[in-house]
PDB file of N, CA and C in Angstrom:
ATOM      1  N   MET A   1    -117.597  -9.598 -25.078  1.00  0.00           N
ATOM      2  CA  MET A   1    -116.601 -10.484 -24.499  1.00  0.00           C
ATOM      3  C   MET A   1    -116.143 -11.452 -25.581  1.00  0.00           C
ATOM      4  N   THR A   2    -114.856 -11.713 -25.635  1.00  0.00           N
ATOM      5  CA  THR A   2    -114.330 -12.635 -26.631  1.00  0.00           C
ATOM      6  C   THR A   2    -114.636 -14.063 -26.224  1.00  0.00           C
ATOM      7  N   THR A   3    -114.599 -14.972 -27.203  1.00  0.00           N
ATOM      8  CA  THR A   3    -114.829 -16.383 -26.917  1.00  0.00           C
ATOM      9  C   THR A   3    -113.784 -16.911 -25.950  1.00  0.00           C
ATOM     10  N   GLN A   4    -112.537 -16.491 -26.102  1.00  0.00           N
ATOM     11  CA  GLN A   4    -111.476 -16.949 -25.218  1.00  0.00           C
ATOM     12  C   GLN A   4    -111.779 -16.560 -23.780  1.00  0.00           C
ATOM     13  N   LEU A   5    -112.179 -15.318 -23.544  1.00  0.00           N
ATOM     14  CA  LEU A   5    -112.488 -14.870 -22.192  1.00  0.00           C
ATOM     15  C   LEU A   5    -113.652 -15.666 -21.613  1.00  0.00           C
ATOM     16  N   ALA A   6    -114.612 -16.034 -22.432  1.00  0.00           N
ATOM     17  CA  ALA A   6    -115.775 -16.773 -21.957  1.00  0.00           C
ATOM     18  C   ALA A   6    -115.396 -18.162 -21.457  1.00  0.00           C
ATOM     19  N   THR A   7    -114.269 -18.717 -21.923  1.00  0.00           N
ATOM     20  CA  THR A   7    -113.892 -20.069 -21.531  1.00  0.00           C
ATOM     21  C   THR A   7    -112.831 -20.102 -20.433  1.00  0.00           C
ATOM     22  N   GLU A   8    -112.276 -18.964 -20.099  1.00  0.00           N
ATOM     23  CA  GLU A   8    -111.245 -18.901 -19.066  1.00  0.00           C
ATOM     24  C   GLU A   8    -111.851 -18.589 -17.710  1.00  0.00           C
ATOM     25  N   ARG A   9    -111.117 -18.965 -16.665  1.00  0.00           N
ATOM     26  CA  ARG A   9    -111.454 -18.461 -15.340  1.00  0.00           C
ATOM     27  C   ARG A   9    -111.010 -17.015 -15.286  1.00  0.00           C
ATOM     28  N   ILE A  10    -111.721 -16.239 -14.505  1.00  0.00           N
ATOM     29  CA  ILE A  10    -111.439 -14.815 -14.415  1.00  0.00           C
ATOM     30  C   ILE A  10    -111.035 -14.477 -12.986  1.00  0.00           C
ATOM     31  N   LEU A  11    -109.999 -13.677 -12.846  1.00  0.00           N
ATOM     32  CA  LEU A  11    -109.548 -13.206 -11.546  1.00  0.00           C
ATOM     33  C   LEU A  11    -109.573 -11.686 -11.537  1.00  0.00           C
ATOM     34  N   LEU A  12    -110.258 -11.106 -10.571  1.00  0.00           N
ATOM     35  CA  LEU A  12    -110.224  -9.667 -10.320  1.00  0.00           C
ATOM     36  C   LEU A  12    -109.654  -9.475  -8.926  1.00  0.00           C
ATOM     37  N   ALA A  13    -108.681  -8.605  -8.795  1.00  0.00           N
ATOM     38  CA  ALA A  13    -108.061  -8.388  -7.488  1.00  0.00           C
ATOM     39  C   ALA A  13    -107.662  -6.931  -7.345  1.00  0.00           C
ATOM     40  N   GLY A  14    -108.014  -6.347  -6.192  1.00  0.00           N
ATOM     41  CA  GLY A  14    -107.656  -4.964  -5.937  1.00  0.00           C
ATOM     42  C   GLY A  14    -108.159  -4.528  -4.572  1.00  0.00           C
ATOM     43  N   ASP A  15    -108.060  -3.228  -4.325  1.00  0.00           N
ATOM     44  CA  ASP A  15    -108.554  -2.725  -3.049  1.00  0.00           C
ATOM     45  C   ASP A  15    -109.933  -2.101  -3.243  1.00  0.00           C
ATOM     46  N   VAL A  16    -110.463  -1.533  -2.185  1.00  0.00           N
ATOM     47  CA  VAL A  16    -111.828  -1.003  -2.209  1.00  0.00           C
ATOM     48  C   VAL A  16    -111.997   0.091  -3.275  1.00  0.00           C
ATOM     49  N   ALA A  17    -110.941   0.780  -3.645  1.00  0.00           N
ATOM     50  CA  ALA A  17    -111.019   1.803  -4.692  1.00  0.00           C
ATOM     51  C   ALA A  17    -111.337   1.204  -6.060  1.00  0.00           C
ATOM     52  N   SER A  18    -111.127  -0.090  -6.226  1.00  0.00           N
ATOM     53  CA  SER A  18    -111.384  -0.779  -7.493  1.00  0.00           C
ATOM     54  C   SER A  18    -112.834  -1.211  -7.655  1.00  0.00           C
ATOM     55  N   LEU A  19    -113.645  -1.080  -6.638  1.00  0.00           N
ATOM     56  CA  LEU A  19    -115.023  -1.573  -6.688  1.00  0.00           C
ATOM     57  C   LEU A  19    -115.837  -1.047  -7.869  1.00  0.00           C
ATOM     58  N   PRO A  20    -115.808   0.246  -8.199  1.00  0.00           N
ATOM     59  CA  PRO A  20    -116.611   0.698  -9.351  1.00  0.00           C
ATOM     60  C   PRO A  20    -116.241  -0.022 -10.656  1.00  0.00           C
ATOM     61  N   GLU A  21    -114.956  -0.194 -10.903  1.00  0.00           N
ATOM     62  CA  GLU A  21    -114.525  -0.900 -12.117  1.00  0.00           C
ATOM     63  C   GLU A  21    -114.913  -2.378 -12.066  1.00  0.00           C
ATOM     64  N   PHE A  22    -114.758  -3.004 -10.905  1.00  0.00           N
ATOM     65  CA  PHE A  22    -115.136  -4.411 -10.774  1.00  0.00           C
ATOM     66  C   PHE A  22    -116.634  -4.591 -11.010  1.00  0.00           C
ATOM     67  N   ARG A  23    -117.452  -3.703 -10.440  1.00  0.00           N
ATOM     68  CA  ARG A  23    -118.902  -3.782 -10.647  1.00  0.00           C
ATOM     69  C   ARG A  23    -119.246  -3.694 -12.138  1.00  0.00           C
ATOM     70  N   SER A  24    -118.631  -2.749 -12.821  1.00  0.00           N
ATOM     71  CA  SER A  24    -118.891  -2.583 -14.255  1.00  0.00           C
ATOM     72  C   SER A  24    -118.480  -3.826 -15.035  1.00  0.00           C
ATOM     73  N   PHE A  25    -117.304  -4.353 -14.741  1.00  0.00           N
ATOM     74  CA  PHE A  25    -116.814  -5.542 -15.442  1.00  0.00           C
ATOM     75  C   PHE A  25    -117.716  -6.742 -15.177  1.00  0.00           C
ATOM     76  N   LEU A  26    -118.051  -6.988 -13.916  1.00  0.00           N
ATOM     77  CA  LEU A  26    -118.895  -8.136 -13.561  1.00  0.00           C
ATOM     78  C   LEU A  26    -120.268  -8.056 -14.210  1.00  0.00           C
ATOM     79  N   ALA A  27    -120.783  -6.849 -14.389  1.00  0.00           N
ATOM     80  CA  ALA A  27    -122.098  -6.666 -15.008  1.00  0.00           C
ATOM     81  C   ALA A  27    -122.105  -7.067 -16.479  1.00  0.00           C
ATOM     82  N   THR A  28    -120.935  -7.118 -17.122  1.00  0.00           N
ATOM     83  CA  THR A  28    -120.860  -7.479 -18.536  1.00  0.00           C
ATOM     84  C   THR A  28    -120.764  -8.985 -18.753  1.00  0.00           C
ATOM     85  N   LEU A  29    -120.540  -9.748 -17.692  1.00  0.00           N
ATOM     86  CA  LEU A  29    -120.317 -11.184 -17.825  1.00  0.00           C
ATOM     87  C   LEU A  29    -121.627 -11.960 -17.894  1.00  0.00           C
ATOM     88  N   GLY A  30    -121.594 -13.053 -18.626  1.00  0.00           N
ATOM     89  CA  GLY A  30    -122.751 -13.934 -18.711  1.00  0.00           C
ATOM     90  C   GLY A  30    -122.894 -14.783 -17.448  1.00  0.00           C
ATOM     91  N   PRO A  31    -124.025 -15.449 -17.296  1.00  0.00           N
ATOM     92  CA  PRO A  31    -124.298 -16.219 -16.082  1.00  0.00           C
ATOM     93  C   PRO A  31    -123.381 -17.430 -15.884  1.00  0.00           C
ATOM     94  N   LYS A  32    -122.724 -17.888 -16.941  1.00  0.00           N
ATOM     95  CA  LYS A  32    -121.846 -19.056 -16.823  1.00  0.00           C
ATOM     96  C   LYS A  32    -120.382 -18.689 -16.611  1.00  0.00           C
ATOM     97  N   ALA A  33    -120.082 -17.399 -16.512  1.00  0.00           N
ATOM     98  CA  ALA A  33    -118.701 -16.974 -16.260  1.00  0.00           C
ATOM     99  C   ALA A  33    -118.252 -17.523 -14.906  1.00  0.00           C
ATOM    100  N   THR A  34    -116.976 -17.884 -14.829  1.00  0.00           N
ATOM    101  CA  THR A  34    -116.413 -18.494 -13.624  1.00  0.00           C
ATOM    102  C   THR A  34    -115.207 -17.691 -13.167  1.00  0.00           C
ATOM    103  N   GLY A  35    -115.112 -17.465 -11.855  1.00  0.00           N
ATOM    104  CA  GLY A  35    -113.935 -16.755 -11.394  1.00  0.00           C
ATOM    105  C   GLY A  35    -113.926 -16.420  -9.923  1.00  0.00           C
ATOM    106  N   GLN A  36    -112.991 -15.551  -9.590  1.00  0.00           N
ATOM    107  CA  GLN A  36    -112.709 -15.166  -8.208  1.00  0.00           C
ATOM    108  C   GLN A  36    -112.486 -13.662  -8.161  1.00  0.00           C
ATOM    109  N   VAL A  37    -113.020 -13.027  -7.113  1.00  0.00           N
ATOM    110  CA  VAL A  37    -112.767 -11.610  -6.858  1.00  0.00           C
ATOM    111  C   VAL A  37    -112.166 -11.493  -5.465  1.00  0.00           C
ATOM    112  N   PHE A  38    -111.013 -10.847  -5.377  1.00  0.00           N
ATOM    113  CA  PHE A  38    -110.390 -10.529  -4.087  1.00  0.00           C
ATOM    114  C   PHE A  38    -110.408  -9.016  -3.925  1.00  0.00           C
ATOM    115  N   ILE A  39    -110.932  -8.537  -2.808  1.00  0.00           N
ATOM    116  CA  ILE A  39    -110.950  -7.103  -2.526  1.00  0.00           C
ATOM    117  C   ILE A  39    -110.366  -6.877  -1.144  1.00  0.00           C
ATOM    118  N   GLU A  40    -109.304  -6.092  -1.098  1.00  0.00           N
ATOM    119  CA  GLU A  40    -108.638  -5.780   0.171  1.00  0.00           C
ATOM    120  C   GLU A  40    -109.233  -4.500   0.749  1.00  0.00           C
ATOM    121  N   VAL A  41    -109.645  -4.570   2.025  1.00  0.00           N
ATOM    122  CA  VAL A  41    -110.231  -3.417   2.718  1.00  0.00           C
ATOM    123  C   VAL A  41    -109.428  -3.133   3.982  1.00  0.00           C
ATOM    124  N   ASP A  42    -109.533  -1.888   4.474  1.00  0.00           N
ATOM    125  CA  ASP A  42    -108.834  -1.522   5.713  1.00  0.00           C
ATOM    126  C   ASP A  42    -109.472  -2.158   6.940  1.00  0.00           C
ATOM    127  N   SER A  43    -110.798  -2.302   6.916  1.00  0.00           N
ATOM    128  CA  SER A  43    -111.522  -2.897   8.047  1.00  0.00           C
ATOM    129  C   SER A  43    -112.838  -3.484   7.545  1.00  0.00           C
ATOM    130  N   ALA A  44    -113.464  -4.280   8.367  1.00  0.00           N
ATOM    131  CA  ALA A  44    -114.693  -4.972   7.991  1.00  0.00           C
ATOM    132  C   ALA A  44    -115.840  -4.020   7.665  1.00  0.00           C
ATOM    133  N   ASP A  45    -115.807  -2.802   8.163  1.00  0.00           N
ATOM    134  CA  ASP A  45    -116.905  -1.875   7.881  1.00  0.00           C
ATOM    135  C   ASP A  45    -116.905  -1.397   6.424  1.00  0.00           C
ATOM    136  N   GLN A  46    -115.882  -1.705   5.644  1.00  0.00           N
ATOM    137  CA  GLN A  46    -115.847  -1.360   4.221  1.00  0.00           C
ATOM    138  C   GLN A  46    -116.439  -2.460   3.335  1.00  0.00           C
ATOM    139  N   ILE A  47    -116.786  -3.582   3.912  1.00  0.00           N
ATOM    140  CA  ILE A  47    -117.351  -4.699   3.147  1.00  0.00           C
ATOM    141  C   ILE A  47    -118.790  -4.366   2.771  1.00  0.00           C
ATOM    142  N   GLU A  48    -119.122  -4.599   1.507  1.00  0.00           N
ATOM    143  CA  GLU A  48    -120.465  -4.318   1.015  1.00  0.00           C
ATOM    144  C   GLU A  48    -120.896  -5.388   0.026  1.00  0.00           C
ATOM    145  N   THR A  49    -122.120  -5.313  -0.417  1.00  0.00           N
ATOM    146  CA  THR A  49    -122.644  -6.287  -1.366  1.00  0.00           C
ATOM    147  C   THR A  49    -122.039  -6.043  -2.746  1.00  0.00           C
ATOM    148  N   LEU A  50    -121.637  -7.123  -3.384  1.00  0.00           N
ATOM    149  CA  LEU A  50    -121.093  -7.058  -4.739  1.00  0.00           C
ATOM    150  C   LEU A  50    -121.752  -8.170  -5.553  1.00  0.00           C
ATOM    151  N   SER A  51    -122.490  -7.792  -6.578  1.00  0.00           N
ATOM    152  CA  SER A  51    -123.173  -8.769  -7.426  1.00  0.00           C
ATOM    153  C   SER A  51    -122.198  -9.351  -8.440  1.00  0.00           C
ATOM    154  N   ALA A  52    -122.311 -10.664  -8.643  1.00  0.00           N
ATOM    155  CA  ALA A  52    -121.446 -11.367  -9.596  1.00  0.00           C
ATOM    156  C   ALA A  52    -122.185 -12.608 -10.089  1.00  0.00           C
ATOM    157  N   PRO A  53    -121.761 -13.168 -11.225  1.00  0.00           N
ATOM    158  CA  PRO A  53    -122.358 -14.426 -11.682  1.00  0.00           C
ATOM    159  C   PRO A  53    -122.248 -15.494 -10.587  1.00  0.00           C
ATOM    160  N   THR A  54    -123.141 -16.449 -10.605  1.00  0.00           N
ATOM    161  CA  THR A  54    -123.203 -17.445  -9.531  1.00  0.00           C
ATOM    162  C   THR A  54    -121.960 -18.325  -9.433  1.00  0.00           C
ATOM    163  N   ARG A  55    -121.186 -18.423 -10.492  1.00  0.00           N
ATOM    164  CA  ARG A  55    -119.968 -19.242 -10.462  1.00  0.00           C
ATOM    165  C   ARG A  55    -118.738 -18.444 -10.031  1.00  0.00           C
ATOM    166  N   PHE A  56    -118.971 -17.295  -9.464  1.00  0.00           N
ATOM    167  CA  PHE A  56    -117.896 -16.459  -8.933  1.00  0.00           C
ATOM    168  C   PHE A  56    -117.868 -16.560  -7.420  1.00  0.00           C
ATOM    169  N   SER A  57    -116.676 -16.450  -6.878  1.00  0.00           N
ATOM    170  CA  SER A  57    -116.493 -16.363  -5.431  1.00  0.00           C
ATOM    171  C   SER A  57    -115.953 -14.974  -5.119  1.00  0.00           C
ATOM    172  N   ILE A  58    -116.531 -14.329  -4.108  1.00  0.00           N
ATOM    173  CA  ILE A  58    -116.093 -12.999  -3.683  1.00  0.00           C
ATOM    174  C   ILE A  58    -115.421 -13.149  -2.322  1.00  0.00           C
ATOM    175  N   CYS A  59    -114.204 -12.666  -2.209  1.00  0.00           N
ATOM    176  CA  CYS A  59    -113.453 -12.768  -0.950  1.00  0.00           C
ATOM    177  C   CYS A  59    -112.989 -11.378  -0.525  1.00  0.00           C
ATOM    178  N   TRP A  60    -113.465 -10.946   0.628  1.00  0.00           N
ATOM    179  CA  TRP A  60    -113.062  -9.660   1.205  1.00  0.00           C
ATOM    180  C   TRP A  60    -111.898  -9.907   2.144  1.00  0.00           C
ATOM    181  N   LEU A  61    -110.811  -9.205   1.947  1.00  0.00           N
ATOM    182  CA  LEU A  61    -109.604  -9.375   2.755  1.00  0.00           C
ATOM    183  C   LEU A  61    -109.433  -8.161   3.656  1.00  0.00           C
ATOM    184  N   ASP A  62    -109.470  -8.390   4.951  1.00  0.00           N
ATOM    185  CA  ASP A  62    -109.435  -7.324   5.953  1.00  0.00           C
ATOM    186  C   ASP A  62    -107.994  -7.129   6.439  1.00  0.00           C
ATOM    187  N   ARG A  63    -107.375  -6.030   6.034  1.00  0.00           N
ATOM    188  CA  ARG A  63    -105.987  -5.743   6.430  1.00  0.00           C
ATOM    189  C   ARG A  63    -105.820  -5.689   7.949  1.00  0.00           C
ATOM    190  N   SER A  64    -106.840  -5.200   8.661  1.00  0.00           N
ATOM    191  CA  SER A  64    -106.733  -5.094  10.122  1.00  0.00           C
ATOM    192  C   SER A  64    -106.643  -6.460  10.790  1.00  0.00           C
ATOM    193  N   ARG A  65    -106.967  -7.512  10.049  1.00  0.00           N
ATOM    194  CA  ARG A  65    -106.849  -8.885  10.564  1.00  0.00           C
ATOM    195  C   ARG A  65    -105.646  -9.606   9.972  1.00  0.00           C
ATOM    196  N   GLY A  66    -104.797  -8.864   9.255  1.00  0.00           N
ATOM    197  CA  GLY A  66    -103.580  -9.442   8.692  1.00  0.00           C
ATOM    198  C   GLY A  66    -103.768 -10.128   7.347  1.00  0.00           C
ATOM    199  N   GLN A  67    -104.936 -10.013   6.747  1.00  0.00           N
ATOM    200  CA  GLN A  67    -105.180 -10.648   5.450  1.00  0.00           C
ATOM    201  C   GLN A  67    -104.563  -9.794   4.354  1.00  0.00           C
ATOM    202  N   GLN A  68    -103.906 -10.464   3.387  1.00  0.00           N
ATOM    203  CA  GLN A  68    -103.155  -9.745   2.361  1.00  0.00           C
ATOM    204  C   GLN A  68    -103.586 -10.155   0.958  1.00  0.00           C
ATOM    205  N   LEU A  69    -103.756  -9.158   0.110  1.00  0.00           N
ATOM    206  CA  LEU A  69    -104.175  -9.386  -1.262  1.00  0.00           C
ATOM    207  C   LEU A  69    -103.165 -10.228  -2.025  1.00  0.00           C
ATOM    208  N   ARG A  70    -101.906  -9.841  -2.006  1.00  0.00           N
ATOM    209  CA  ARG A  70    -100.881 -10.544  -2.795  1.00  0.00           C
ATOM    210  C   ARG A  70    -100.789 -12.022  -2.400  1.00  0.00           C
ATOM    211  N   ARG A  71    -100.811 -12.310  -1.126  1.00  0.00           N
ATOM    212  CA  ARG A  71    -100.723 -13.696  -0.663  1.00  0.00           C
ATOM    213  C   ARG A  71    -101.931 -14.507  -1.151  1.00  0.00           C
ATOM    214  N   SER A  72    -103.118 -13.915  -1.090  1.00  0.00           N
ATOM    215  CA  SER A  72    -104.333 -14.610  -1.527  1.00  0.00           C
ATOM    216  C   SER A  72    -104.325 -14.854  -3.034  1.00  0.00           C
ATOM    217  N   VAL A  73    -103.917 -13.854  -3.800  1.00  0.00           N
ATOM    218  CA  VAL A  73    -103.839 -13.998  -5.254  1.00  0.00           C
ATOM    219  C   VAL A  73    -102.823 -15.070  -5.626  1.00  0.00           C
ATOM    220  N   ASP A  74    -101.661 -15.046  -5.022  1.00  0.00           N
ATOM    221  CA  ASP A  74    -100.633 -16.046  -5.320  1.00  0.00           C
ATOM    222  C   ASP A  74    -101.126 -17.463  -5.024  1.00  0.00           C
ATOM    223  N   ALA A  75    -101.798 -17.648  -3.900  1.00  0.00           N
ATOM    224  CA  ALA A  75    -102.312 -18.976  -3.544  1.00  0.00           C
ATOM    225  C   ALA A  75    -103.372 -19.432  -4.541  1.00  0.00           C
ATOM    226  N   TRP A  76    -104.274 -18.536  -4.916  1.00  0.00           N
ATOM    227  CA  TRP A  76    -105.340 -18.888  -5.862  1.00  0.00           C
ATOM    228  C   TRP A  76    -104.753 -19.248  -7.220  1.00  0.00           C
ATOM    229  N   LEU A  77    -103.808 -18.432  -7.700  1.00  0.00           N
ATOM    230  CA  LEU A  77    -103.195 -18.716  -9.002  1.00  0.00           C
ATOM    231  C   LEU A  77    -102.428 -20.034  -9.002  1.00  0.00           C
ATOM    232  N   SER A  78    -101.791 -20.372  -7.886  1.00  0.00           N
ATOM    233  CA  SER A  78    -101.055 -21.641  -7.846  1.00  0.00           C
ATOM    234  C   SER A  78    -102.008 -22.836  -7.972  1.00  0.00           C
ATOM    235  N   GLU A  79    -103.240 -22.682  -7.534  1.00  0.00           N
ATOM    236  CA  GLU A  79    -104.236 -23.749  -7.697  1.00  0.00           C
ATOM    237  C   GLU A  79    -104.836 -23.757  -9.096  1.00  0.00           C
ATOM    238  N   MET A  80    -105.074 -22.592  -9.661  1.00  0.00           N
ATOM    239  CA  MET A  80    -105.754 -22.487 -10.954  1.00  0.00           C
ATOM    240  C   MET A  80    -104.823 -22.663 -12.148  1.00  0.00           C
ATOM    241  N   LEU A  81    -103.516 -22.508 -11.931  1.00  0.00           N
ATOM    242  CA  LEU A  81    -102.550 -22.641 -13.022  1.00  0.00           C
ATOM    243  C   LEU A  81    -101.540 -23.749 -12.725  1.00  0.00           C
ATOM    244  N   PRO A  82    -102.018 -24.972 -12.505  1.00  0.00           N
ATOM    245  CA  PRO A  82    -101.064 -26.050 -12.239  1.00  0.00           C
ATOM    246  C   PRO A  82    -100.236 -26.352 -13.485  1.00  0.00           C
ATOM    247  N   VAL A  83     -98.984 -26.677 -13.284  1.00  0.00           N
ATOM    248  CA  VAL A  83     -98.122 -27.051 -14.399  1.00  0.00           C
ATOM    249  C   VAL A  83     -98.467 -28.483 -14.777  1.00  0.00           C
ATOM    250  N   SER A  84     -98.800 -28.670 -16.043  1.00  0.00           N
ATOM    251  CA  SER A  84     -99.226 -29.979 -16.520  1.00  0.00           C
ATOM    252  C   SER A  84     -98.656 -30.203 -17.902  1.00  0.00           C
ATOM    253  N   GLY A  85     -98.141 -31.388 -18.146  1.00  0.00           N
ATOM    254  CA  GLY A  85     -97.638 -31.722 -19.471  1.00  0.00           C
ATOM    255  C   GLY A  85     -98.755 -32.074 -20.430  1.00  0.00           C
ATOM    256  N   VAL A  86     -99.969 -32.222 -19.895  1.00  0.00           N
ATOM    257  CA  VAL A  86    -101.088 -32.676 -20.712  1.00  0.00           C
ATOM    258  C   VAL A  86    -101.894 -31.515 -21.285  1.00  0.00           C
ATOM    259  N   GLU A  87    -102.236 -30.543 -20.440  1.00  0.00           N
ATOM    260  CA  GLU A  87    -103.049 -29.435 -20.927  1.00  0.00           C
ATOM    261  C   GLU A  87    -102.601 -28.107 -20.331  1.00  0.00           C
ATOM    262  N   GLU A  88    -102.891 -27.059 -21.065  1.00  0.00           N
ATOM    263  CA  GLU A  88    -102.560 -25.719 -20.601  1.00  0.00           C
ATOM    264  C   GLU A  88    -103.765 -25.138 -19.863  1.00  0.00           C
ATOM    265  N   HIS A  89    -103.515 -24.484 -18.754  1.00  0.00           N
ATOM    266  CA  HIS A  89    -104.555 -23.818 -17.979  1.00  0.00           C
ATOM    267  C   HIS A  89    -104.343 -22.312 -18.111  1.00  0.00           C
ATOM    268  N   THR A  90    -105.447 -21.563 -18.243  1.00  0.00           N
ATOM    269  CA  THR A  90    -105.334 -20.119 -18.369  1.00  0.00           C
ATOM    270  C   THR A  90    -106.304 -19.414 -17.425  1.00  0.00           C
ATOM    271  N   VAL A  91    -105.928 -18.218 -17.051  1.00  0.00           N
ATOM    272  CA  VAL A  91    -106.749 -17.348 -16.219  1.00  0.00           C
ATOM    273  C   VAL A  91    -106.666 -15.954 -16.823  1.00  0.00           C
ATOM    274  N   TYR A  92    -107.802 -15.306 -16.994  1.00  0.00           N
ATOM    275  CA  TYR A  92    -107.830 -13.908 -17.394  1.00  0.00           C
ATOM    276  C   TYR A  92    -107.767 -13.110 -16.104  1.00  0.00           C
ATOM    277  N   ALA A  93    -106.714 -12.349 -15.902  1.00  0.00           N
ATOM    278  CA  ALA A  93    -106.486 -11.677 -14.614  1.00  0.00           C
ATOM    279  C   ALA A  93    -106.421 -10.171 -14.764  1.00  0.00           C
ATOM    280  N   TRP A  94    -107.117  -9.506 -13.849  1.00  0.00           N
ATOM    281  CA  TRP A  94    -107.002  -8.054 -13.723  1.00  0.00           C
ATOM    282  C   TRP A  94    -106.697  -7.764 -12.266  1.00  0.00           C
ATOM    283  N   ILE A  95    -105.430  -7.521 -12.007  1.00  0.00           N
ATOM    284  CA  ILE A  95    -104.955  -7.196 -10.666  1.00  0.00           C
ATOM    285  C   ILE A  95    -104.632  -5.708 -10.723  1.00  0.00           C
ATOM    286  N   THR A  96    -105.477  -4.889 -10.119  1.00  0.00           N
ATOM    287  CA  THR A  96    -105.433  -3.447 -10.369  1.00  0.00           C
ATOM    288  C   THR A  96    -104.088  -2.817 -10.053  1.00  0.00           C
ATOM    289  N   ALA A  97    -103.370  -3.309  -9.084  1.00  0.00           N
ATOM    290  CA  ALA A  97    -102.061  -2.735  -8.752  1.00  0.00           C
ATOM    291  C   ALA A  97    -101.009  -3.075  -9.805  1.00  0.00           C
ATOM    292  N   ASP A  98    -101.288  -4.082 -10.646  1.00  0.00           N
ATOM    293  CA  ASP A  98    -100.324  -4.524 -11.653  1.00  0.00           C
ATOM    294  C   ASP A  98    -100.595  -3.966 -13.046  1.00  0.00           C
ATOM    295  N   GLY A  99    -101.582  -3.088 -13.191  1.00  0.00           N
ATOM    296  CA  GLY A  99    -101.847  -2.466 -14.480  1.00  0.00           C
ATOM    297  C   GLY A  99    -102.896  -3.176 -15.295  1.00  0.00           C
ATOM    298  N   ALA A 100    -102.649  -3.304 -16.586  1.00  0.00           N
ATOM    299  CA  ALA A 100    -103.642  -3.826 -17.532  1.00  0.00           C
ATOM    300  C   ALA A 100    -103.981  -5.290 -17.283  1.00  0.00           C
ATOM    301  N   ALA A 101    -105.205  -5.648 -17.642  1.00  0.00           N
ATOM    302  CA  ALA A 101    -105.637  -7.044 -17.559  1.00  0.00           C
ATOM    303  C   ALA A 101    -104.879  -7.872 -18.585  1.00  0.00           C
ATOM    304  N   ARG A 102    -104.695  -9.140 -18.284  1.00  0.00           N
ATOM    305  CA  ARG A 102    -103.985 -10.008 -19.223  1.00  0.00           C
ATOM    306  C   ARG A 102    -104.323 -11.464 -18.950  1.00  0.00           C
ATOM    307  N   SER A 103    -104.009 -12.299 -19.905  1.00  0.00           N
ATOM    308  CA  SER A 103    -104.231 -13.725 -19.771  1.00  0.00           C
ATOM    309  C   SER A 103    -102.946 -14.355 -19.229  1.00  0.00           C
ATOM    310  N   LEU A 104    -103.086 -15.148 -18.173  1.00  0.00           N
ATOM    311  CA  LEU A 104    -101.955 -15.859 -17.588  1.00  0.00           C
ATOM    312  C   LEU A 104    -102.083 -17.342 -17.905  1.00  0.00           C
ATOM    313  N   SER A 105    -100.963 -17.997 -18.107  1.00  0.00           N
ATOM    314  CA  SER A 105    -100.974 -19.392 -18.518  1.00  0.00           C
ATOM    315  C   SER A 105    -100.070 -20.236 -17.618  1.00  0.00           C
ATOM    316  N   SER A 106    -100.409 -21.531 -17.518  1.00  0.00           N
ATOM    317  CA  SER A 106     -99.583 -22.453 -16.726  1.00  0.00           C
ATOM    318  C   SER A 106     -98.328 -22.860 -17.477  1.00  0.00           C
ATOM    319  N   ASN A 107     -98.271 -22.635 -18.768  1.00  0.00           N
ATOM    320  CA  ASN A 107     -97.105 -23.039 -19.562  1.00  0.00           C
ATOM    321  C   ASN A 107     -96.205 -21.870 -19.868  1.00  0.00           C
TER     322      ASN A 107
END
């Protein structure tokens, strides 16, 4: 992991098909890594245990209850990437429907 990635918040977002890749990625992170995982499932019976560093939050989004991945990601990013004239905020994001992982910035 690069030094830059170690200092950024990390966002992983996708559907249940992304779980194997998310598990592999999370297993490479150190205990101080910070971030959010959003996983969209068709129903609650697809929810399972997912190990992550303690500073990570895991959120399962149940489509059958009207929960949406895009809406949740947009809300989270708006909080994590506030526009500020003083400092730049960054998030390392891997949103599986959007292709390759990349660093997002508030500036």
